[in-house]
């Protein structure tokens, strides 16, 4: 029976035929890379900077070797591309370029590990289907450079293991330093290499070789500017990350379920389950598994296992283990190719799973794009509410959904901040001494969302009691006697004028300026801006 076209293109053979029609694996790769590049460039300027991206824009305006919660590479990347323009598109240009380079390295890694021409295109397609890497391939986040250095480090590490040359080990060490300067998650890379070294008899001799340890020292040398910065700032970044990742130290089943659920969404549910099956298959064959599969396993399993363990005792964000998918995509691609050699029943079972995984991932990615760029959430919510009302009529125990409110649309956090910043800047310009007037908010999130859209020389801070990056940038004594604008956000972190009255000589008697930001005819952000005069040089609030 002739295969149906729709089903055949989702098989390994179908992909191989498509590659041949494109003129071979090399042309296929460049065609896919060009399509991905154009799609991401078109999306980059379609929506505003997120909360985290806004915070990293502020990093890029205050370059240093370290920050309260992250190492400096995201700031360097943002500063590099922002010379082209102060717009979301240009801030996202760096992450897009990093993601494209990482894809090129992933292709080389697949070709180097496996002597199978089908591996590179299949790994590439699987990796591109992952929702988490769709987002990380555009957003200005520390993961942008971490992903590039991590993937490149895997490639050079494999070369180092295979060739035994010092050059490859030293280059791996330099890339390890780049990982650490990107995100502290890079500390997991030595665990990956250690796991591979002990995974087989022929690789265990590396435990007594000086070369891997010399590579580690090179990485620490590259990372040393951040260590020195932390030493001068009370080890603030390391202490924060240790407390942030450790949670409360108490096992909570809800956190574990949330961590696993986050990975099911980040990697597409079907693909993540398939990866788990492929992982178990390789683990069951250790230490006799093929070297390439062992390397891919060790590049994946320790990362996911570590963060799932974090999820046992605290909150784990879905994108934290994202680098594990470089090895995971290789492992899954190898499993799909191996499935073609099984009996017909098992081969068809894997093909059905593959089709389901591809379709599910495409739907998830399509929904993300639609939700971010199109006004679909309000009508979807209202439709769901109408269904809930009908169900409530028939089954009173089912509670109907509340009426739609703009706060239910999480994409509103990406819009309106340019207008909010413009109005706050107009209020600052109308102050008696605008050059000696700073802007502050209760939490640093809001300070960054507004500050990233204001003139770069604007003095901004957060006067809330929690330690954050603005404590390092803002010296209370230097700004003693200054006036200030307090931006009070109604939707979150609402405080009112009394919270900070005793930090200043006086609060303006006239009512605050009410700012209402509209999107599609609905009010999505409401602020009250209070005027204070004569800052006393104190940062702690009651």
Protein backbone atom coordinates (compact mmCIF):
# COMPACT_ATOMS: atom_id res chain seq x y z
CA UNK A 1 0.00 0.00 0.00
CA UNK A 2 1.29 3.45 -0.88
CA UNK A 3 2.02 5.69 2.09
CA UNK A 4 -0.15 8.70 2.48
CA UNK A 5 1.86 11.90 1.81
CA UNK A 6 0.81 13.46 5.13
CA UNK A 7 2.07 10.48 7.12
CA UNK A 8 5.24 9.87 5.12
CA UNK A 9 6.70 13.33 5.66
CA UNK A 10 6.70 12.70 9.43
CA UNK A 11 8.87 9.58 9.15
CA UNK A 12 12.67 9.43 9.04
CA UNK A 13 12.51 8.22 5.45
CA UNK A 14 10.12 11.03 4.58
CA UNK A 15 12.50 13.62 6.01
CA UNK A 16 15.41 12.01 4.12
CA UNK A 17 13.45 12.29 0.87
CA UNK A 18 12.74 15.96 1.61
CA UNK A 19 16.44 16.55 2.28
CA UNK A 20 17.35 14.96 -1.06
CA UNK A 21 14.79 17.09 -2.89
CA UNK A 22 16.37 20.18 -1.36
CA UNK A 23 19.72 19.22 -2.85
CA UNK A 24 21.32 17.45 0.08
CA UNK A 25 21.83 17.90 3.79
CA UNK A 26 23.94 21.06 3.51
CA UNK A 27 21.43 22.93 1.34
CA UNK A 28 18.58 21.69 3.51
CA UNK A 29 20.28 23.08 6.60
CA UNK A 30 20.91 26.51 5.07
CA UNK A 31 17.34 26.63 3.77
CA UNK A 32 15.93 25.81 7.22
CA UNK A 33 18.31 28.28 8.87
CA UNK A 34 17.23 31.03 6.47
CA UNK A 35 13.54 30.35 7.15
CA UNK A 36 14.12 30.36 10.92
CA UNK A 37 16.14 33.58 10.72
CA UNK A 38 13.49 35.42 8.70
CA UNK A 39 10.66 34.19 10.96
CA UNK A 40 12.44 35.29 14.14
CA UNK A 41 13.45 38.65 12.71
CA UNK A 42 9.84 39.30 11.69
CA UNK A 43 8.64 38.44 15.20
CA UNK A 44 11.35 40.30 17.10
CA UNK A 45 9.79 43.74 16.82
CA UNK A 46 6.13 42.71 16.93
CA UNK A 47 5.74 42.79 20.72
CA UNK A 48 7.26 44.68 23.60
CA UNK A 49 10.02 43.64 25.95
CA UNK A 50 9.03 41.30 28.75
CA UNK A 51 9.72 42.01 32.43
CA UNK A 52 12.99 40.05 32.42
CA UNK A 53 14.11 41.53 29.11
CA UNK A 54 13.45 45.03 30.44
CA UNK A 55 15.60 44.26 33.46
CA UNK A 56 18.45 43.09 31.21
CA UNK A 57 18.14 46.25 29.14
CA UNK A 58 18.91 48.10 32.37
CA UNK A 59 21.91 45.81 32.79
CA UNK A 60 23.09 46.80 29.33
CA UNK A 61 23.00 50.46 30.40
CA UNK A 62 25.11 49.72 33.50
CA UNK A 63 27.85 47.42 32.26
CA UNK A 64 29.72 45.52 34.96
CA UNK A 65 31.25 42.09 35.56
CA UNK A 66 28.33 41.01 37.68
CA UNK A 67 24.80 41.78 38.80
CA UNK A 68 22.59 40.92 41.72
CA UNK A 69 21.13 37.79 40.12
CA UNK A 70 23.22 37.00 37.01
CA UNK A 71 26.68 37.13 35.46
CA UNK A 72 27.33 39.82 32.82
CA UNK A 73 27.08 38.22 29.38
CA UNK A 74 23.42 39.15 28.79
CA UNK A 75 24.33 42.79 29.49
CA UNK A 76 27.26 42.66 27.07
CA UNK A 77 25.03 41.14 24.39
CA UNK A 78 22.29 43.74 24.87
CA UNK A 79 24.78 46.61 24.84
CA UNK A 80 26.43 45.28 21.68
CA UNK A 81 23.29 45.23 19.53
CA UNK A 82 21.62 48.29 21.09
CA UNK A 83 24.17 50.53 19.37
CA UNK A 84 21.98 49.99 16.30
CA UNK A 85 18.92 51.40 18.07
CA UNK A 86 17.04 51.50 21.35
CA UNK A 87 14.20 49.23 20.29
CA UNK A 88 13.03 45.72 21.17
CA UNK A 89 14.07 44.51 17.70
CA UNK A 90 17.70 45.46 18.21
CA UNK A 91 17.87 44.11 21.75
CA UNK A 92 16.58 40.78 20.41
CA UNK A 93 18.95 40.75 17.46
CA UNK A 94 21.79 39.34 19.60
CA UNK A 95 19.77 36.38 20.92
CA UNK A 96 18.58 35.60 17.40
CA UNK A 97 22.15 35.53 16.09
CA UNK A 98 23.26 33.38 19.04
CA UNK A 99 20.44 30.90 18.41
CA UNK A 100 21.32 30.60 14.73
CA UNK A 101 24.98 29.99 15.54
CA UNK A 102 23.94 27.38 18.12
CA UNK A 103 21.91 25.58 15.44
CA UNK A 104 24.98 25.53 13.17
CA UNK A 105 27.05 24.03 15.99
CA UNK A 106 24.31 21.49 16.78
CA UNK A 107 24.40 20.35 13.17
CA UNK A 108 28.18 19.89 13.36
CA UNK A 109 27.82 18.03 16.66
CA UNK A 110 25.26 15.63 15.18
CA UNK A 111 27.46 15.00 12.13
CA UNK A 112 30.53 14.46 14.32
CA UNK A 113 28.90 12.13 16.83
CA UNK A 114 26.98 9.90 14.44
CA UNK A 115 28.16 8.55 11.09
CA UNK A 116 24.64 8.83 9.69
CA UNK A 117 23.61 11.53 7.25
CA UNK A 118 20.05 11.43 8.61
CA UNK A 119 21.06 12.58 12.11
CA UNK A 120 21.82 16.24 11.44
CA UNK A 121 18.54 17.23 9.71
CA UNK A 122 16.44 15.15 12.11
CA UNK A 123 18.15 16.64 15.19
CA UNK A 124 17.74 20.13 13.75
CA UNK A 125 14.01 19.69 13.13
CA UNK A 126 13.38 18.15 16.56
CA UNK A 127 15.25 20.98 18.29
CA UNK A 128 13.36 23.66 16.36
CA UNK A 129 10.05 22.10 17.39
CA UNK A 130 10.72 22.64 21.09
CA UNK A 131 8.52 25.48 22.42
CA UNK A 132 11.09 26.48 25.04
CA UNK A 133 13.80 27.03 22.44
CA UNK A 134 11.38 28.90 20.22
CA UNK A 135 11.11 31.52 22.97
CA UNK A 136 14.77 31.41 23.95
CA UNK A 137 15.73 31.92 20.31
CA UNK A 138 14.24 35.42 20.35
CA UNK A 139 14.21 36.83 23.89
CA UNK A 140 17.03 38.84 25.49
CA UNK A 141 17.78 36.38 28.29
CA UNK A 142 20.99 34.94 29.76
CA UNK A 143 20.12 31.65 28.02
CA UNK A 144 20.97 33.18 24.62
CA UNK A 145 24.73 33.05 25.10
CA UNK A 146 24.56 30.08 27.51
CA UNK A 147 22.98 27.95 24.77
CA UNK A 148 25.66 28.92 22.26
CA UNK A 149 28.60 28.30 24.59
CA UNK A 150 27.04 25.08 25.91
CA UNK A 151 26.46 23.56 22.49
CA UNK A 152 29.91 24.64 21.29
CA UNK A 153 31.39 23.21 24.51
CA UNK A 154 29.76 19.85 23.82
CA UNK A 155 31.29 19.80 20.33
CA UNK A 156 34.80 20.71 21.48
CA UNK A 157 34.58 18.33 24.45
CA UNK A 158 33.76 15.44 22.12
CA UNK A 159 36.74 16.41 19.96
CA UNK A 160 38.89 16.57 23.09
CA UNK A 161 37.81 13.09 24.24
CA UNK A 162 38.36 11.60 20.80
CA UNK A 163 41.61 13.32 19.72
CA UNK A 164 43.17 13.70 23.20
CA UNK A 165 44.70 17.01 22.09
CA UNK A 166 45.43 19.81 24.55
CA UNK A 167 44.08 22.37 22.08
CA UNK A 168 40.57 20.97 22.23
CA UNK A 169 40.63 20.72 26.01
CA UNK A 170 41.79 24.31 26.44
CA UNK A 171 39.14 25.52 23.99
CA UNK A 172 36.52 23.56 25.96
CA UNK A 173 37.73 25.32 29.09
CA UNK A 174 37.36 28.74 27.47
CA UNK A 175 33.82 27.88 26.40
CA UNK A 176 33.10 26.68 29.94
CA UNK A 177 34.14 30.12 31.14
CA UNK A 178 31.72 31.64 28.64
CA UNK A 179 28.93 29.47 30.05
CA UNK A 180 29.63 30.66 33.58
CA UNK A 181 29.74 34.29 32.45
CA UNK A 182 26.36 33.72 30.76
CA UNK A 183 24.46 31.94 33.51
CA UNK A 184 25.47 30.08 36.63
CA UNK A 185 23.78 27.00 35.16
CA UNK A 186 27.11 26.57 33.33
CA UNK A 187 28.43 24.99 36.54
CA UNK A 188 26.61 21.80 35.45
CA UNK A 189 28.90 21.35 32.43
CA UNK A 190 31.71 19.61 34.36
CA UNK A 191 29.09 17.20 35.73
CA UNK A 192 28.15 16.36 32.13
CA UNK A 193 31.77 15.61 31.24
CA UNK A 194 32.32 13.63 34.46
CA UNK A 195 29.20 11.55 33.76
CA UNK A 196 30.50 10.71 30.28
CA UNK A 197 33.95 9.87 31.62
CA UNK A 198 32.57 7.27 34.04
CA UNK A 199 29.93 5.93 31.62
CA UNK A 200 32.29 3.52 29.83
CA UNK A 201 35.44 1.57 30.56
CA UNK A 202 37.43 3.22 27.76
CA UNK A 203 36.69 6.74 29.01
CA UNK A 204 37.36 6.30 32.74
CA UNK A 205 41.08 6.89 32.25
CA UNK A 206 40.21 10.56 31.77
CA UNK A 207 39.57 10.81 35.50
CA UNK A 208 43.36 10.62 36.05
CA UNK A 209 44.34 12.84 33.12
CA UNK A 210 45.38 16.46 33.85
CA UNK A 211 43.73 17.78 30.69
CA UNK A 212 40.08 18.01 31.89
CA UNK A 213 41.20 19.67 35.11
CA UNK A 214 43.36 22.13 33.20
CA UNK A 215 40.30 22.94 31.08
CA UNK A 216 38.37 23.62 34.28
CA UNK A 217 41.06 26.01 35.48
CA UNK A 218 40.95 27.84 32.14
CA UNK A 219 37.19 28.20 32.54
CA UNK A 220 37.61 29.61 36.04
CA UNK A 221 40.24 32.03 34.73
CA UNK A 222 37.77 33.38 32.18
CA UNK A 223 35.15 33.52 34.92
CA UNK A 224 37.43 35.23 37.45
CA UNK A 225 36.22 38.83 36.74
CA UNK A 226 32.80 37.81 38.03
CA UNK A 227 34.35 36.17 41.09
CA UNK A 228 36.26 39.38 41.85
CA UNK A 229 33.11 41.46 41.35
CA UNK A 230 31.21 39.26 43.79
CA UNK A 231 34.06 39.43 46.30
CA UNK A 232 33.81 43.23 46.23
CA UNK A 233 30.02 43.08 46.65
CA UNK A 234 29.67 40.64 49.53
CA UNK A 235 29.17 37.57 47.28
CA UNK A 236 25.68 38.92 46.68
CA UNK A 237 25.01 37.11 43.41
CA UNK A 238 26.11 33.66 44.58
CA UNK A 239 24.21 33.95 47.84
CA UNK A 240 21.06 34.99 46.00
CA UNK A 241 21.27 32.10 43.53
CA UNK A 242 21.91 29.54 46.27
CA UNK A 243 18.83 30.74 48.14
CA UNK A 244 16.79 31.16 44.96
CA UNK A 245 17.43 27.64 43.66
CA UNK A 246 17.24 25.87 46.99
CA UNK A 247 13.66 26.89 47.77
CA UNK A 248 12.53 26.29 51.34
CA UNK A 249 14.28 22.94 51.63
CA UNK A 250 10.97 21.16 52.20
CA UNK A 251 9.57 18.53 49.84
CA UNK A 252 6.29 19.59 48.28
CA UNK A 253 4.55 17.32 45.77
CA UNK A 254 2.94 20.37 44.15
CA UNK A 255 6.37 21.75 43.23
CA UNK A 256 7.43 18.43 41.74
CA UNK A 257 4.28 18.14 39.65
CA UNK A 258 4.72 21.74 38.54
CA UNK A 259 8.34 21.05 37.55
CA UNK A 260 7.40 17.99 35.49
CA UNK A 261 4.42 19.78 33.97
CA UNK A 262 6.65 22.68 33.03
CA UNK A 263 8.99 20.32 31.18
CA UNK A 264 6.08 18.68 29.38
CA UNK A 265 5.06 22.09 28.09
CA UNK A 266 8.59 23.37 27.44
CA UNK A 267 9.59 20.37 25.37
CA UNK A 268 6.14 19.51 23.98
CA UNK A 269 4.42 16.70 25.97
CA UNK A 270 4.83 13.94 23.40
CA UNK A 271 8.45 14.75 22.57
CA UNK A 272 9.37 14.88 26.26
CA UNK A 273 7.81 11.45 26.87
CA UNK A 274 9.64 10.08 23.82
CA UNK A 275 12.90 11.48 25.18
CA UNK A 276 12.22 9.78 28.51
CA UNK A 277 11.71 6.44 26.70
CA UNK A 278 14.89 6.93 24.67
CA UNK A 279 16.80 7.82 27.84
CA UNK A 280 15.67 4.66 29.64
CA UNK A 281 16.67 2.57 26.61
CA UNK A 282 20.23 3.94 26.61
CA UNK A 283 20.60 3.77 30.41
CA UNK A 284 19.57 0.10 30.35
CA UNK A 285 22.48 -0.64 28.00
CA UNK A 286 25.19 1.12 30.03
CA UNK A 287 28.13 0.74 29.90
CA UNK A 288 27.81 -1.15 26.59
CA UNK A 289 25.86 1.62 24.82
CA UNK A 290 27.47 3.30 21.84
CA UNK A 291 29.80 6.16 22.72
CA UNK A 292 27.72 8.71 20.79
CA UNK A 293 24.57 7.72 22.65
CA UNK A 294 26.39 7.79 25.98
CA UNK A 295 27.67 11.27 25.25
CA UNK A 296 24.22 12.51 24.23
CA UNK A 297 22.71 10.86 27.34
CA UNK A 298 25.25 12.52 29.64
CA UNK A 299 24.65 15.88 27.97
CA UNK A 300 20.96 15.56 28.76
CA UNK A 301 20.05 13.40 31.77
CA UNK A 302 22.19 15.12 34.48
CA UNK A 303 20.73 18.50 33.55
CA UNK A 304 17.11 17.39 33.73
CA UNK A 305 17.76 15.30 36.85
CA UNK A 306 19.38 18.23 38.66
CA UNK A 307 16.53 20.62 38.00
CA UNK A 308 13.85 18.06 38.72
CA UNK A 309 15.62 17.58 42.06
CA UNK A 310 15.46 21.35 42.57
CA UNK A 311 11.76 21.05 41.84
CA UNK A 312 11.35 18.66 44.76
CA UNK A 313 12.14 21.40 47.24
CA UNK A 314 11.43 24.68 45.52
CA UNK A 315 10.15 26.46 42.45
CA UNK A 316 11.70 25.52 39.11
CA UNK A 317 11.08 27.59 36.00
CA UNK A 318 10.43 25.59 32.79
CA UNK A 319 13.36 27.05 30.84
CA UNK A 320 16.05 26.30 33.44
CA UNK A 321 16.99 22.85 32.02
CA UNK A 322 16.78 24.08 28.41
CA UNK A 323 20.44 23.26 27.64
CA UNK A 324 19.65 19.62 28.34
CA UNK A 325 17.74 19.55 25.09
CA UNK A 326 20.93 19.77 23.00
CA UNK A 327 21.84 16.28 24.12
CA UNK A 328 18.16 15.35 24.32
CA UNK A 329 17.49 16.19 20.67
CA UNK A 330 20.47 14.04 19.64
CA UNK A 331 19.28 11.16 21.80
CA UNK A 332 15.73 11.37 20.47
CA UNK A 333 16.87 11.61 16.84
CA UNK A 334 19.06 8.52 17.29
CA UNK A 335 16.11 6.66 18.85
CA UNK A 336 13.85 7.53 15.91
CA UNK A 337 16.43 6.31 13.41
CA UNK A 338 16.99 3.15 15.42
CA UNK A 339 13.22 2.57 15.50
CA UNK A 340 13.26 2.20 11.71
CA UNK A 341 15.20 -1.07 12.13
CA UNK A 342 12.70 -2.63 14.55
CA UNK A 343 9.85 -4.94 13.59
CA UNK A 344 7.03 -3.30 11.66
CA UNK A 345 4.71 -2.98 14.68
CA UNK A 346 7.27 -1.14 16.83
CA UNK A 347 8.40 0.99 13.90
CA UNK A 348 4.83 2.10 13.25
CA UNK A 349 4.34 2.80 16.96
CA UNK A 350 7.36 5.14 17.01
CA UNK A 351 6.18 6.81 13.81
CA UNK A 352 2.76 7.48 15.31
CA UNK A 353 4.38 8.95 18.38
CA UNK A 354 6.63 11.07 16.18
CA UNK A 355 3.67 12.38 14.20
CA UNK A 356 1.85 13.19 17.44
CA UNK A 357 4.93 14.93 18.81
CA UNK A 358 5.43 17.04 15.71
CA UNK A 359 1.78 18.06 15.47
CA UNK A 360 1.58 18.87 19.20
CA UNK A 361 4.75 20.96 19.06
CA UNK A 362 3.56 22.84 15.98
CA UNK A 363 0.25 23.60 17.67
CA UNK A 364 1.97 24.85 20.83
CA UNK A 365 4.37 27.05 18.87
CA UNK A 366 1.53 28.37 16.71
CA UNK A 367 -0.53 29.20 19.79
CA UNK A 368 2.39 31.06 21.36
CA UNK A 369 2.87 33.18 18.26
CA UNK A 370 -0.85 33.87 17.96
CA UNK A 371 -1.29 34.75 21.64
CA UNK A 372 1.69 37.13 21.63
CA UNK A 373 0.93 38.90 18.37
CA UNK A 374 -2.86 38.66 17.91
CA UNK A 375 -5.81 39.66 20.15
CA UNK A 376 -7.12 36.12 20.58
CA UNK A 377 -7.11 35.64 24.35
CA UNK A 378 -10.13 37.87 25.15
CA UNK A 379 -12.49 36.12 22.67
CA UNK A 380 -11.14 32.70 23.70
CA UNK A 381 -11.77 33.52 27.36
CA UNK A 382 -15.27 34.84 26.67
CA UNK A 383 -16.08 31.72 24.67
CA UNK A 384 -14.85 29.50 27.49
CA UNK A 385 -16.92 31.51 29.96
CA UNK A 386 -20.04 31.05 27.84
CA UNK A 387 -19.46 27.30 27.93
CA UNK A 388 -18.96 27.41 31.72
CA UNK A 389 -22.25 29.30 32.12
CA UNK A 390 -24.15 26.63 30.17
CA UNK A 391 -22.51 23.88 32.20
CA UNK A 392 -23.42 25.72 35.40
CA UNK A 393 -27.07 25.83 34.32
CA UNK A 394 -27.12 22.06 33.89
CA UNK A 395 -24.76 21.19 36.75
CA UNK A 396 -24.93 23.88 39.47
CA UNK A 397 -21.90 22.39 41.25
CA UNK A 398 -19.71 23.62 38.36
CA UNK A 399 -18.84 27.23 39.06
CA UNK A 400 -18.90 29.56 36.04
CA UNK A 401 -15.82 31.52 35.08
CA UNK A 402 -15.82 35.19 36.15
CA UNK A 403 -16.37 37.92 33.61
CA UNK A 404 -13.35 38.80 31.52
CA UNK A 405 -10.94 41.39 32.93
CA UNK A 406 -7.88 42.76 31.20
CA UNK A 407 -5.64 41.33 33.94
CA UNK A 408 -6.57 37.84 32.72
CA UNK A 409 -4.66 38.51 29.47
CA UNK A 410 -1.03 37.84 30.40
CA UNK A 411 0.17 39.30 27.10
CA UNK A 412 -0.81 42.76 28.35
CA UNK A 413 2.47 42.69 30.27
CA UNK A 414 4.21 43.06 26.90
CA UNK A 415 2.34 46.19 25.88
CA UNK A 416 1.79 49.75 27.04
CA UNK A 417 5.07 50.40 28.82
CA UNK A 418 6.37 52.79 26.16
CA UNK A 419 3.36 55.04 26.72
CA UNK A 420 3.65 54.72 30.50
CA UNK A 421 7.32 55.73 30.36
CA UNK A 422 6.53 58.67 28.07
CA UNK A 423 3.96 60.01 30.51
CA UNK A 424 6.22 59.50 33.53
CA UNK A 425 9.02 61.33 31.75
CA UNK A 426 6.65 64.22 31.00
CA UNK A 427 5.79 64.43 34.71
CA UNK A 428 9.47 64.37 35.63
CA UNK A 429 10.21 67.17 33.15
CA UNK A 430 7.48 69.26 34.84
CA UNK A 431 9.09 68.94 38.29
CA UNK A 432 10.84 72.05 39.70
CA UNK A 433 14.29 70.41 39.32
CA UNK A 434 13.95 67.61 36.76
CA UNK A 435 17.73 67.04 36.66
CA UNK A 436 17.60 66.29 40.39
CA UNK A 437 14.46 64.15 40.32
CA UNK A 438 14.63 60.37 40.37
CA UNK A 439 11.89 57.85 39.63
CA UNK A 440 11.19 54.93 41.93
CA UNK A 441 8.75 52.06 42.33
CA UNK A 442 8.02 49.63 45.11
CA UNK A 443 9.47 46.59 43.28
CA UNK A 444 12.33 46.40 40.80
CA UNK A 445 10.16 44.66 38.19
CA UNK A 446 8.11 47.79 37.60
CA UNK A 447 11.17 50.03 37.81
CA UNK A 448 12.76 48.08 34.96
CA UNK A 449 9.60 47.90 32.84
CA UNK A 450 9.30 51.68 32.91
CA UNK A 451 12.99 52.51 33.14
CA UNK A 452 13.97 50.52 30.05
CA UNK A 453 11.75 52.88 28.00
CA UNK A 454 12.95 56.12 29.61
CA UNK A 455 16.04 58.16 28.61
CA UNK A 456 19.20 56.22 29.59
CA UNK A 457 20.41 59.00 31.92
CA UNK A 458 17.26 58.83 34.09
CA UNK A 459 18.00 57.96 37.72
CA UNK A 460 15.75 55.06 38.77
CA UNK A 461 15.53 52.85 41.79
CA UNK A 462 13.31 50.70 44.00
CA UNK A 463 12.81 51.75 47.61
CA UNK A 464 11.11 48.56 48.75
CA UNK A 465 12.69 46.53 51.55
CA UNK A 466 13.87 43.64 49.34
CA UNK A 467 17.47 43.54 48.16
CA UNK A 468 17.82 43.92 44.38
CA UNK A 469 20.07 45.28 41.66
CA UNK A 470 18.95 48.88 42.15
CA UNK A 471 20.52 48.85 45.62
CA UNK A 472 23.87 48.49 43.84
CA UNK A 473 23.19 51.25 41.32
CA UNK A 474 21.53 53.82 43.59
CA UNK A 475 23.51 55.51 46.35
CA UNK A 476 21.08 57.12 48.86
CA UNK A 477 23.69 59.54 50.21
CA UNK A 478 24.52 60.83 46.72
CA UNK A 479 20.86 61.60 46.04
CA UNK A 480 20.05 63.19 49.37
CA UNK A 481 17.97 66.31 48.83
CA UNK A 482 16.64 65.15 45.46
CA UNK A 483 12.96 65.13 44.53
CA UNK A 484 11.25 61.97 43.30
CA UNK A 485 8.28 60.50 41.49
CA UNK A 486 6.76 57.36 42.97
CA UNK A 487 5.00 55.22 40.35
CA UNK A 488 2.39 53.15 42.16
CA UNK A 489 1.00 50.28 40.08
CA UNK A 490 -2.62 49.36 40.83
CA UNK A 491 -2.58 45.84 39.39
CA UNK A 492 0.43 44.68 41.43
CA UNK A 493 2.57 46.00 44.25
CA UNK A 494 0.03 48.75 45.09
CA UNK A 495 1.28 50.69 48.12
CA UNK A 496 -0.26 54.17 48.35
CA UNK A 497 1.52 57.45 49.26
CA UNK A 498 2.05 56.82 52.98
CA UNK A 499 4.50 53.98 52.41
CA UNK A 500 7.36 56.35 51.58
CA UNK A 501 6.26 59.63 53.14
CA UNK A 502 8.87 59.46 55.93
CA UNK A 503 11.68 59.03 53.41
CA UNK A 504 11.19 62.61 52.20
CA UNK A 505 10.72 66.05 53.65
CA UNK A 506 7.25 66.29 52.21
CA UNK A 507 4.67 64.78 49.89
CA UNK A 508 2.92 67.03 47.39
CA UNK A 509 -0.49 68.12 48.65
CA UNK A 510 -2.13 67.93 45.24
CA UNK A 511 -3.67 64.60 44.12
CA UNK A 512 -1.46 62.13 42.28
CA UNK A 513 -1.40 62.00 38.50
CA UNK A 514 -3.48 59.06 37.29
CA UNK A 515 -2.06 57.26 34.24
CA UNK A 516 -4.35 54.87 32.38
CA UNK A 517 -2.80 52.87 29.55
CA UNK A 518 -5.11 51.53 26.86
CA UNK A 519 -4.77 48.52 24.59
CA UNK A 520 -7.41 47.70 22.01
CA UNK A 521 -9.80 50.10 23.74
CA UNK A 522 -9.40 48.50 27.18
CA UNK A 523 -7.52 49.88 30.18
CA UNK A 524 -4.69 47.45 30.87
CA UNK A 525 -2.42 49.42 33.23
CA UNK A 526 -3.33 52.00 35.86
CA UNK A 527 -0.73 54.01 37.79
CA UNK A 528 -0.82 56.77 40.37
CA UNK A 529 2.29 58.97 40.30
CA UNK A 530 3.08 60.79 43.57
CA UNK A 531 5.47 63.73 43.91
CA UNK A 532 7.90 63.77 46.81
CA UNK A 533 10.38 66.51 47.71
CA UNK A 534 13.62 66.44 49.65
CA UNK A 535 14.87 62.84 49.80
CA UNK A 536 16.44 62.15 53.20
CA UNK A 537 18.94 59.63 51.86
CA UNK A 538 17.29 56.59 53.43
CA UNK A 539 16.34 53.52 51.40
CA UNK A 540 14.67 51.23 53.93
CA UNK A 541 10.89 51.46 54.17
CA UNK A 542 8.59 50.43 56.98
